[in-house]
C-alpha atoms as a PDB file:
ATOM      1  CA  MET A   1      15.654  42.016   1.757  1.00  0.00           C
ATOM      2  CA  ASP A   2      12.804  43.721  -0.043  1.00  0.00           C
ATOM      3  CA  GLU A   3       9.687  41.579  -0.415  1.00  0.00           C
ATOM      4  CA  PRO A   4       9.649  40.495  -4.102  1.00  0.00           C
ATOM      5  CA  GLY A   5       5.892  39.884  -4.035  1.00  0.00           C
ATOM      6  CA  PHE A   6       5.932  36.161  -4.741  1.00  0.00           C
ATOM      7  CA  GLY A   7       2.680  34.280  -5.174  1.00  0.00           C
ATOM      8  CA  THR A   8       1.799  30.830  -3.909  1.00  0.00           C
ATOM      9  CA  ARG A   9       3.708  28.901  -6.587  1.00  0.00           C
ATOM     10  CA  GLU A  10       6.964  30.830  -6.223  1.00  0.00           C
ATOM     11  CA  ARG A  11       6.906  30.520  -2.443  1.00  0.00           C
ATOM     12  CA  ALA A  12       6.213  26.789  -2.659  1.00  0.00           C
ATOM     13  CA  LEU A  13       9.132  26.303  -5.063  1.00  0.00           C
ATOM     14  CA  LEU A  14      11.621  28.123  -2.844  1.00  0.00           C
ATOM     15  CA  LEU A  15      10.435  26.477   0.372  1.00  0.00           C
ATOM     16  CA  GLY A  16      10.311  23.086  -1.354  1.00  0.00           C
ATOM     17  CA  LEU A  17      13.894  23.489  -2.537  1.00  0.00           C
ATOM     18  CA  MET A  18      14.854  24.449   1.010  1.00  0.00           C
ATOM     19  CA  THR A  19      13.352  21.231   2.422  1.00  0.00           C
ATOM     20  CA  LEU A  20      15.574  19.227   0.050  1.00  0.00           C
ATOM     21  CA  GLY A  21      18.652  20.746   1.665  1.00  0.00           C
ATOM     22  CA  GLY A  22      18.737  23.754  -0.646  1.00  0.00           C
ATOM     23  CA  ALA A  23      19.828  21.941  -3.811  1.00  0.00           C
ATOM     24  CA  ALA A  24      17.973  19.626  -6.214  1.00  0.00           C
ATOM     25  CA  THR A  25      17.366  18.917  -9.871  1.00  0.00           C
ATOM     26  CA  ASN A  26      13.993  19.743 -11.339  1.00  0.00           C
ATOM     27  CA  PRO A  27      12.980  16.042 -11.508  1.00  0.00           C
ATOM     28  CA  GLU A  28      13.872  15.691  -7.807  1.00  0.00           C
ATOM     29  CA  LEU A  29      11.876  18.794  -6.957  1.00  0.00           C
ATOM     30  CA  ARG A  30       8.909  17.608  -9.031  1.00  0.00           C
ATOM     31  CA  ASP A  31       8.961  14.237  -7.234  1.00  0.00           C
ATOM     32  CA  HIS A  32       9.053  16.081  -3.900  1.00  0.00           C
ATOM     33  CA  ILE A  33       6.432  18.826  -4.302  1.00  0.00           C
ATOM     34  CA  GLY A  34       4.829  18.201  -7.704  1.00  0.00           C
ATOM     35  CA  ASP A  35       6.371  21.251  -9.402  1.00  0.00           C
ATOM     36  CA  ALA A  36       9.724  22.413 -10.752  1.00  0.00           C
ATOM     37  CA  ILE A  37      11.755  25.597 -11.029  1.00  0.00           C
ATOM     38  CA  ASP A  38      11.433  26.264 -14.726  1.00  0.00           C
ATOM     39  CA  GLY A  39      10.431  29.027 -17.116  1.00  0.00           C
ATOM     40  CA  ALA A  40       9.538  32.400 -15.619  1.00  0.00           C
ATOM     41  CA  PRO A  41      10.065  31.408 -11.939  1.00  0.00           C
ATOM     42  CA  ARG A  42      13.584  30.133 -12.662  1.00  0.00           C
ATOM     43  CA  ARG A  43      14.510  33.275 -14.584  1.00  0.00           C
ATOM     44  CA  ARG A  44      13.114  35.481 -11.818  1.00  0.00           C
ATOM     45  CA  PHE A  45      14.831  33.577  -9.018  1.00  0.00           C
ATOM     46  CA  ASN A  46      18.115  33.726 -10.934  1.00  0.00           C
ATOM     47  CA  ALA A  47      17.760  37.444 -11.630  1.00  0.00           C
ATOM     48  CA  LEU A  48      17.026  38.166  -7.965  1.00  0.00           C
ATOM     49  CA  GLY A  49      20.050  36.136  -6.884  1.00  0.00           C
ATOM     50  CA  LEU A  50      17.973  33.692  -4.846  1.00  0.00           C
ATOM     51  CA  VAL A  51      18.762  30.551  -6.855  1.00  0.00           C
ATOM     52  CA  ASP A  52      21.656  29.424  -9.028  1.00  0.00           C
ATOM     53  CA  SER A  53      20.574  27.084 -11.847  1.00  0.00           C
ATOM     54  CA  GLU A  54      22.822  24.959 -14.043  1.00  0.00           C
ATOM     55  CA  ARG A  55      22.026  22.252 -16.557  1.00  0.00           C
ATOM     56  CA  GLU A  56      22.690  18.703 -15.430  1.00  0.00           C
ATOM     57  CA  GLY A  57      21.986  16.472 -18.397  1.00  0.00           C
ATOM     58  CA  ARG A  58      18.602  17.521 -19.753  1.00  0.00           C
ATOM     59  CA  ALA A  59      17.385  19.026 -16.480  1.00  0.00           C
ATOM     60  CA  PHE A  60      18.323  22.052 -14.424  1.00  0.00           C
ATOM     61  CA  ARG A  61      19.935  21.658 -11.028  1.00  0.00           C
ATOM     62  CA  ASN A  62      18.917  24.478  -8.686  1.00  0.00           C
ATOM     63  CA  GLU A  63      20.671  25.646  -5.527  1.00  0.00           C
ATOM     64  CA  LEU A  64      19.642  28.271  -3.009  1.00  0.00           C
ATOM     65  CA  THR A  65      22.162  31.079  -2.677  1.00  0.00           C
ATOM     66  CA  GLU A  66      22.879  32.827   0.614  1.00  0.00           C
ATOM     67  CA  GLU A  67      20.191  35.317  -0.393  1.00  0.00           C
ATOM     68  CA  GLY A  68      17.833  32.413  -1.094  1.00  0.00           C
ATOM     69  CA  TRP A  69      18.391  30.945   2.359  1.00  0.00           C
ATOM     70  CA  ALA A  70      17.887  34.419   3.846  1.00  0.00           C
ATOM     71  CA  TRP A  71      14.560  34.666   2.013  1.00  0.00           C
ATOM     72  CA  CYS A  72      13.467  31.318   3.494  1.00  0.00           C
ATOM     73  CA  VAL A  73      14.457  32.446   6.983  1.00  0.00           C
ATOM     74  CA  ALA A  74      12.517  35.706   6.547  1.00  0.00           C
ATOM     75  CA  GLU A  75       9.513  33.716   5.335  1.00  0.00           C
ATOM     76  CA  LEU A  76       9.293  32.005   8.732  1.00  0.00           C
ATOM     77  CA  SER A  77       7.864  35.268  10.041  1.00  0.00           C
ATOM     78  CA  GLY A  78       5.976  36.092   6.840  1.00  0.00           C
ATOM     79  CA  THR A  79       2.275  36.108   6.060  1.00  0.00           C
ATOM     80  CA  ALA A  80       0.362  33.750   3.796  1.00  0.00           C
ATOM     81  CA  PRO A  81      -0.263  34.806   0.171  1.00  0.00           C
ATOM     82  CA  ALA A  82      -3.626  36.463  -0.432  1.00  0.00           C
ATOM     83  CA  ARG A  83      -5.002  33.425  -2.285  1.00  0.00           C
ATOM     84  CA  GLY A  84      -3.421  30.818  -0.041  1.00  0.00           C
ATOM     85  CA  GLY A  85      -6.703  29.904   1.637  1.00  0.00           C
ATOM     86  CA  SER A  86      -6.954  28.139   4.983  1.00  0.00           C
ATOM     87  CA  LEU A  87      -4.128  25.727   4.101  1.00  0.00           C
ATOM     88  CA  GLY A  88      -1.823  28.637   3.330  1.00  0.00           C
ATOM     89  CA  ARG A  89      -2.669  30.393   6.597  1.00  0.00           C
ATOM     90  CA  THR A  90      -2.110  27.185   8.535  1.00  0.00           C
ATOM     91  CA  LEU A  91       1.229  26.611   6.814  1.00  0.00           C
ATOM     92  CA  TYR A  92       2.432  30.077   7.728  1.00  0.00           C
ATOM     93  CA  ALA A  93       1.276  29.590  11.312  1.00  0.00           C
ATOM     94  CA  VAL A  94       3.440  26.440  11.409  1.00  0.00           C
ATOM     95  CA  LEU A  95       6.349  28.345   9.846  1.00  0.00           C
ATOM     96  CA  GLY A  96       6.009  30.938  12.580  1.00  0.00           C
ATOM     97  CA  LEU A  97       6.216  28.266  15.262  1.00  0.00           C
ATOM     98  CA  LEU A  98       9.266  26.815  13.524  1.00  0.00           C
ATOM     99  CA  GLY A  99      10.921  30.234  13.524  1.00  0.00           C
ATOM    100  CA  ASP A 100      10.231  30.654  17.248  1.00  0.00           C
ATOM    101  CA  TYR A 101      11.725  27.206  17.934  1.00  0.00           C
ATOM    102  CA  LEU A 102      14.896  27.996  15.967  1.00  0.00           C
ATOM    103  CA  ASP A 103      15.339  31.246  17.889  1.00  0.00           C
ATOM    104  CA  ALA A 104      14.848  29.509  21.244  1.00  0.00           C
ATOM    105  CA  ALA A 105      17.200  26.653  20.337  1.00  0.00           C
ATOM    106  CA  ASP A 106      19.765  29.004  18.764  1.00  0.00           C
ATOM    107  CA  LEU A 107      19.702  26.973  15.541  1.00  0.00           C
ATOM    108  CA  SER A 108      19.873  28.131  11.945  1.00  0.00           C
ATOM    109  CA  LEU A 109      17.318  26.971   9.396  1.00  0.00           C
ATOM    110  CA  GLY A 110      20.075  25.315   7.353  1.00  0.00           C
ATOM    111  CA  GLU A 111      21.313  23.341  10.361  1.00  0.00           C
ATOM    112  CA  LEU A 112      17.798  22.102  11.086  1.00  0.00           C
ATOM    113  CA  VAL A 113      17.129  21.019   7.495  1.00  0.00           C
ATOM    114  CA  LEU A 114      20.441  19.218   7.034  1.00  0.00           C
ATOM    115  CA  THR A 115      20.182  17.473  10.407  1.00  0.00           C
ATOM    116  CA  ALA A 116      16.619  16.349   9.666  1.00  0.00           C
ATOM    117  CA  ARG A 117      17.642  14.917   6.283  1.00  0.00           C
ATOM    118  CA  GLU A 118      20.697  12.978   7.472  1.00  0.00           C
ATOM    119  CA  PRO A 119      18.854   9.910   8.890  1.00  0.00           C
ATOM    120  CA  ALA A 120      16.764   9.539   5.725  1.00  0.00           C
ATOM    121  CA  ALA A 121      19.856   9.772   3.544  1.00  0.00           C
ATOM    122  CA  GLU A 122      21.685   7.185   5.670  1.00  0.00           C
ATOM    123  CA  THR A 123      18.762   4.754   5.483  1.00  0.00           C
ATOM    124  CA  ALA A 124      18.408   5.247   1.748  1.00  0.00           C
ATOM    125  CA  GLU A 125      22.123   4.560   1.226  1.00  0.00           C
ATOM    126  CA  THR A 126      21.799   1.277   3.131  1.00  0.00           C
ATOM    127  CA  ASP A 127      18.563  -0.002   1.608  1.00  0.00           C
ATOM    128  CA  LEU A 128      18.306   1.447  -1.878  1.00  0.00           C
ATOM    129  CA  PRO A 129      20.505  -0.973  -3.844  1.00  0.00           C
ATOM    130  CA  ALA A 130      18.402  -3.892  -2.565  1.00  0.00           C
ATOM    131  CA  LEU A 131      15.186  -1.989  -3.301  1.00  0.00           C
ATOM    132  CA  ILE A 132      16.360  -1.192  -6.825  1.00  0.00           C
ATOM    133  CA  ARG A 133      17.290  -4.807  -7.503  1.00  0.00           C
ATOM    134  CA  ASP A 134      13.919  -5.974  -6.190  1.00  0.00           C
ATOM    135  CA  ALA A 135      12.064  -3.384  -8.290  1.00  0.00           C
ATOM    136  CA  TYR A 136      13.997  -4.457 -11.379  1.00  0.00           C
ATOM    137  CA  ARG A 137      13.088  -8.108 -10.835  1.00  0.00           C
ATOM    138  CA  ARG A 138       9.420  -7.125 -10.526  1.00  0.00           C
ATOM    139  CA  VAL A 139       9.282  -5.346 -13.886  1.00  0.00           C
ATOM    140  CA  ALA A 140      11.824  -7.291 -15.964  1.00  0.00           C
ATOM    141  CA  THR A 141      10.630 -10.477 -17.670  1.00  0.00           C
ATOM    142  CA  ARG A 142      14.147 -11.970 -17.633  1.00  0.00           C
ATOM    143  CA  PRO A 143      17.653 -11.137 -16.343  1.00  0.00           C
ATOM    144  CA  GLN A 144      19.644  -8.635 -18.437  1.00  0.00           C
ATOM    145  CA  GLU A 145      16.480  -7.194 -19.979  1.00  0.00           C
ATOM    146  CA  TRP A 146      16.728  -3.439 -20.540  1.00  0.00           C
ATOM    147  CA  VAL A 147      14.056  -1.709 -18.458  1.00  0.00           C
ATOM    148  CA  LEU A 148      13.170   1.974 -18.437  1.00  0.00           C
ATOM    149  CA  LEU A 149      13.870   3.715 -15.141  1.00  0.00           C
ATOM    150  CA  THR A 150      10.358   5.124 -15.498  1.00  0.00           C
ATOM    151  CA  LYS A 151       9.092   1.685 -14.455  1.00  0.00           C
ATOM    152  CA  VAL A 152      11.583   1.223 -11.608  1.00  0.00           C
ATOM    153  CA  ARG A 153      11.380   4.528  -9.717  1.00  0.00           C
ATOM    154  CA  PRO A 154       7.693   4.227  -8.632  1.00  0.00           C
ATOM    155  CA  LEU A 155       8.526   0.928  -6.870  1.00  0.00           C
ATOM    156  CA  LEU A 156      11.130   2.441  -4.515  1.00  0.00           C
ATOM    157  CA  GLY A 157       8.797   3.526  -1.736  1.00  0.00           C
ATOM    158  CA  GLY A 158       9.097   7.246  -2.348  1.00  0.00           C
ATOM    159  CA  ALA A 159      12.867   7.311  -1.788  1.00  0.00           C
ATOM    160  CA  PRO A 160      14.386  10.761  -2.466  1.00  0.00           C
ATOM    161  CA  ARG A 161      15.342  11.279  -6.096  1.00  0.00           C
ATOM    162  CA  GLN A 162      18.896  12.351  -5.276  1.00  0.00           C
ATOM    163  CA  ALA A 163      19.497   9.263  -3.108  1.00  0.00           C
ATOM    164  CA  VAL A 164      18.178   6.960  -5.869  1.00  0.00           C
ATOM    165  CA  ASP A 165      20.416   8.611  -8.474  1.00  0.00           C
ATOM    166  CA  GLU A 166      23.464   8.240  -6.235  1.00  0.00           C
ATOM    167  CA  ALA A 167      22.619   4.590  -5.578  1.00  0.00           C
ATOM    168  CA  LEU A 168      22.261   3.904  -9.308  1.00  0.00           C
ATOM    169  CA  ARG A 169      25.624   5.525 -10.033  1.00  0.00           C
ATOM    170  CA  ARG A 170      27.286   3.379  -7.368  1.00  0.00           C
ATOM    171  CA  MET A 171      25.535   0.230  -8.569  1.00  0.00           C
ATOM    172  CA  GLU A 172      26.767   0.788 -12.121  1.00  0.00           C
ATOM    173  CA  GLN A 173      30.274   0.114 -10.821  1.00  0.00           C
ATOM    174  CA  GLU A 174      29.175  -3.450  -9.962  1.00  0.00           C
ATOM    175  CA  PRO A 175      29.850  -6.026 -12.720  1.00  0.00           C
ATOM    176  CA  ASP A 176      26.236  -7.173 -13.059  1.00  0.00           C
ATOM    177  CA  VAL A 177      24.566  -3.748 -13.250  1.00  0.00           C
ATOM    178  CA  HIS A 178      24.387  -1.697 -16.429  1.00  0.00           C
ATOM    179  CA  LEU A 179      22.883   1.702 -17.290  1.00  0.00           C
ATOM    180  CA  ALA A 180      22.502   3.024 -20.808  1.00  0.00           C
ATOM    181  CA  PRO A 181      20.844   5.811 -22.786  1.00  0.00           C
ATOM    182  CA  GLU A 182      17.958   4.902 -25.074  1.00  0.00           C
ATOM    183  CA  ALA A 183      19.398   4.548 -28.570  1.00  0.00           C
ATOM    184  CA  ASP A 184      16.206   5.731 -30.269  1.00  0.00           C
ATOM    185  CA  GLN A 185      15.566   9.047 -28.522  1.00  0.00           C
ATOM    186  CA  LYS A 186      12.377   9.597 -30.527  1.00  0.00           C
ATOM    187  CA  THR A 187      10.648   6.799 -28.609  1.00  0.00           C
ATOM    188  CA  LEU A 188      11.164   8.508 -25.252  1.00  0.00           C
ATOM    189  CA  ARG A 189       8.271  10.221 -23.507  1.00  0.00           C
ATOM    190  CA  GLU A 190       8.826  13.283 -21.334  1.00  0.00           C
ATOM    191  CA  GLN A 191       8.492  11.157 -18.185  1.00  0.00           C
ATOM    192  CA  ASP A 192      11.147   8.781 -19.545  1.00  0.00           C
ATOM    193  CA  ARG A 193      13.555  11.681 -19.998  1.00  0.00           C
ATOM    194  CA  GLU A 194      12.834  12.981 -16.498  1.00  0.00           C
ATOM    195  CA  ALA A 195      13.361   9.529 -14.966  1.00  0.00           C
ATOM    196  CA  ALA A 196      16.835   9.223 -16.483  1.00  0.00           C
ATOM    197  CA  VAL A 197      19.898   9.338 -14.248  1.00  0.00           C
ATOM    198  CA  SER A 198      22.774  11.611 -15.269  1.00  0.00           C
ATOM    199  CA  VAL A 199      26.136   9.820 -15.263  1.00  0.00           C
ATOM    200  CA  GLY A 200      29.096  11.903 -16.341  1.00  0.00           C
ATOM    201  CA  GLY A 201      26.774  14.323 -18.082  1.00  0.00           C
ATOM    202  CA  VAL A 202      25.032  11.516 -20.045  1.00  0.00           C
ATOM    203  CA  SER A 203      21.340  10.844 -19.441  1.00  0.00           C
ATOM    204  CA  LYS A 204      20.804   7.103 -18.991  1.00  0.00           C
ATOM    205  CA  HIS A 205      17.216   5.883 -19.303  1.00  0.00           C
ATOM    206  CA  LEU A 206      17.658   2.099 -19.148  1.00  0.00           C
ATOM    207  CA  LEU A 207      18.688  -0.365 -16.445  1.00  0.00           C
ATOM    208  CA  SER A 208      19.826  -3.968 -16.891  1.00  0.00           C
ATOM    209  CA  ILE A 209      20.810  -6.361 -14.108  1.00  0.00           C
ATOM    210  CA  GLU A 210      22.273  -9.803 -14.718  1.00  0.00           C
ATOM    211  CA  ALA A 211      21.137 -12.840 -12.758  1.00  0.00           C
ATOM    212  CA  ARG A 212      23.063 -13.566  -9.573  1.00  0.00           C
END
């Protein structure tokens, strides 16, 4: 693949998406690396065939294509961007070591990433419902109060966005757990919209849990 001449931000976005298993929504990516695939980078990645992006609720969901994974693999033997500084050079030295390890172990980058993420996903699936209930009790003044997910997510110990969303969707099937969109959309801040969970294509900003 020809080198597209990406700068620091574009490289960080692609590598960050890779570390999430190659697929994530923009809110998940922003939680993970502090940035999202939007605007010019998204259009460029899409045009180059490195990333497929589709709307999921109000946010884009991005997925590395085969060409995107190939770019990440090639980057393991790449050089740091000109303005990457000492941190950038160190990162690319680590990437080089990772590439050497994969070659020696006869592993693909995708296999390594997915294997590394499996234990975290399993733990999150086991613990997250209890963490979410505990976080709700900490911010709600009474049972059944509607609470913005903006207030709940920071209390979940940095759990991956995708795992939290999946846990919320499962919990909504329980009789005492309810999710709902904010009726007055004008009151929502940007962070409230980003904290919403998409259920059946509907962005739900509020959580209510009855007393047990």
